[in-house]
Protein backbone atom coordinates (compact mmCIF):
# COMPACT_ATOMS: atom_id res chain seq x y z
CA MET A 1 40.92 -14.83 8.39
CA GLU A 2 43.01 -11.71 8.41
CA GLU A 3 43.05 -9.61 11.53
CA SER A 4 43.82 -5.96 11.89
CA HIS A 5 46.19 -4.54 14.45
CA GLU A 6 43.78 -1.81 15.51
CA THR A 7 42.38 -1.83 19.00
CA THR A 8 39.26 -0.33 20.50
CA ARG A 9 39.51 0.44 24.21
CA GLY A 10 42.20 -2.20 24.58
CA LEU A 11 40.22 -4.93 22.79
CA HIS A 12 41.49 -6.50 19.59
CA VAL A 13 39.07 -5.91 16.68
CA PRO A 14 39.19 -8.50 13.88
CA HIS A 15 39.26 -7.25 10.31
CA SER A 16 36.08 -8.13 8.40
CA ASN A 17 36.37 -10.61 5.58
CA LYS A 18 34.79 -9.10 2.47
CA LYS A 19 34.47 -12.44 0.66
CA GLU A 20 32.41 -13.95 3.49
CA ILE A 21 30.14 -10.93 3.62
CA ALA A 22 29.66 -10.94 -0.16
CA TYR A 23 28.93 -14.68 -0.04
CA ALA A 24 26.29 -14.16 2.66
CA ALA A 25 24.75 -11.26 0.73
CA VAL A 26 24.47 -13.42 -2.40
CA TRP A 27 22.81 -16.20 -0.40
CA LEU A 28 20.37 -13.75 1.20
CA THR A 29 19.50 -12.37 -2.24
CA ALA A 30 18.95 -15.88 -3.61
CA LEU A 31 16.75 -16.85 -0.65
CA THR A 32 14.71 -13.67 -1.04
CA ALA A 33 14.25 -14.37 -4.76
CA LEU A 34 13.15 -17.92 -3.89
CA GLU A 35 10.61 -16.51 -1.43
CA PHE A 36 9.19 -14.25 -4.15
CA ILE A 37 8.92 -17.18 -6.56
CA ILE A 38 7.15 -19.27 -3.92
CA ALA A 39 4.81 -16.40 -3.04
CA PHE A 40 3.64 -16.02 -6.63
CA THR A 41 3.52 -19.69 -7.67
CA LEU A 42 2.28 -21.76 -4.70
CA GLU A 43 -1.24 -21.62 -3.34
CA ALA A 44 -1.70 -20.27 0.16
CA GLY A 45 -1.69 -23.06 2.71
CA THR A 46 0.13 -24.78 5.50
CA PHE A 47 3.02 -26.01 3.33
CA ARG A 48 3.74 -22.53 1.98
CA THR A 49 3.53 -21.03 5.46
CA PHE A 50 6.04 -23.49 6.93
CA LEU A 51 8.28 -23.09 3.90
CA PHE A 52 8.31 -19.32 4.48
CA LEU A 53 9.08 -19.88 8.17
CA PHE A 54 11.98 -22.19 7.29
CA LEU A 55 13.42 -19.73 4.76
CA THR A 56 13.03 -16.86 7.22
CA VAL A 57 14.92 -18.76 9.92
CA LEU A 58 17.63 -19.61 7.39
CA LYS A 59 17.96 -15.96 6.38
CA ALA A 60 18.05 -14.93 10.05
CA PHE A 61 20.91 -17.40 10.61
CA TYR A 62 22.96 -15.84 7.82
CA ILE A 63 22.29 -12.34 9.10
CA ILE A 64 23.26 -13.26 12.64
CA ALA A 65 26.27 -15.33 11.64
CA TYR A 66 27.87 -13.03 9.10
CA PHE A 67 26.62 -9.49 9.66
CA MET A 68 26.54 -9.66 13.45
CA HIS A 69 29.85 -11.58 13.37
CA LEU A 70 28.64 -14.43 15.57
CA LYS A 71 30.04 -17.08 13.26
CA HIS A 72 33.41 -16.77 14.94
CA GLU A 73 32.16 -16.29 18.50
CA ARG A 74 32.22 -18.82 21.28
CA LEU A 75 29.71 -21.63 21.10
CA THR A 76 27.97 -20.67 24.36
CA LEU A 77 27.33 -17.15 23.13
CA MET A 78 25.85 -18.53 19.93
CA TYR A 79 23.62 -20.91 21.89
CA SER A 80 22.41 -18.10 24.13
CA ILE A 81 21.13 -16.28 21.04
CA VAL A 82 20.13 -19.11 18.71
CA VAL A 83 18.23 -21.36 21.16
CA PRO A 84 15.76 -18.67 22.32
CA PHE A 85 15.28 -17.64 18.69
CA ILE A 86 14.43 -21.23 17.70
CA PHE A 87 12.02 -21.44 20.65
CA ILE A 88 10.27 -18.23 19.56
CA VAL A 89 9.97 -19.48 15.96
CA TYR A 90 8.60 -22.78 17.29
CA MET A 91 6.00 -20.93 19.36
CA ILE A 92 4.99 -18.82 16.33
CA GLY A 93 4.64 -22.02 14.31
CA LEU A 94 2.39 -23.50 16.99
CA ILE A 95 0.23 -20.37 17.07
CA ILE A 96 -0.10 -20.43 13.27
CA TYR A 97 -0.97 -24.15 13.38
CA GLU A 98 -3.63 -23.58 16.03
CA GLY A 99 -5.06 -20.73 13.98
CA ILE A 100 -5.34 -22.94 10.90
CA VAL A 101 -6.87 -25.96 12.65
């Protein structure tokens, strides 16, 4: 990854990689198109709901990793953001499950 020589308040700011961002944007577009296809072809139900949750978490990962530049951060910082997010998604899934049953 290329890095710029510019600094902000004494901190080194890495230069963004346009190919990675374009790749993530293409994946997000494809996942959104897949969600639309699923929404109009599958019947409403538990499977479709969990499929949407999975695709939403996957899209959130790409947004966090590439557009918030956490892909190249330290592992502990990533865990401090990703683990609570997974817990919240798990809790939402449990609430949805309880509402269905």
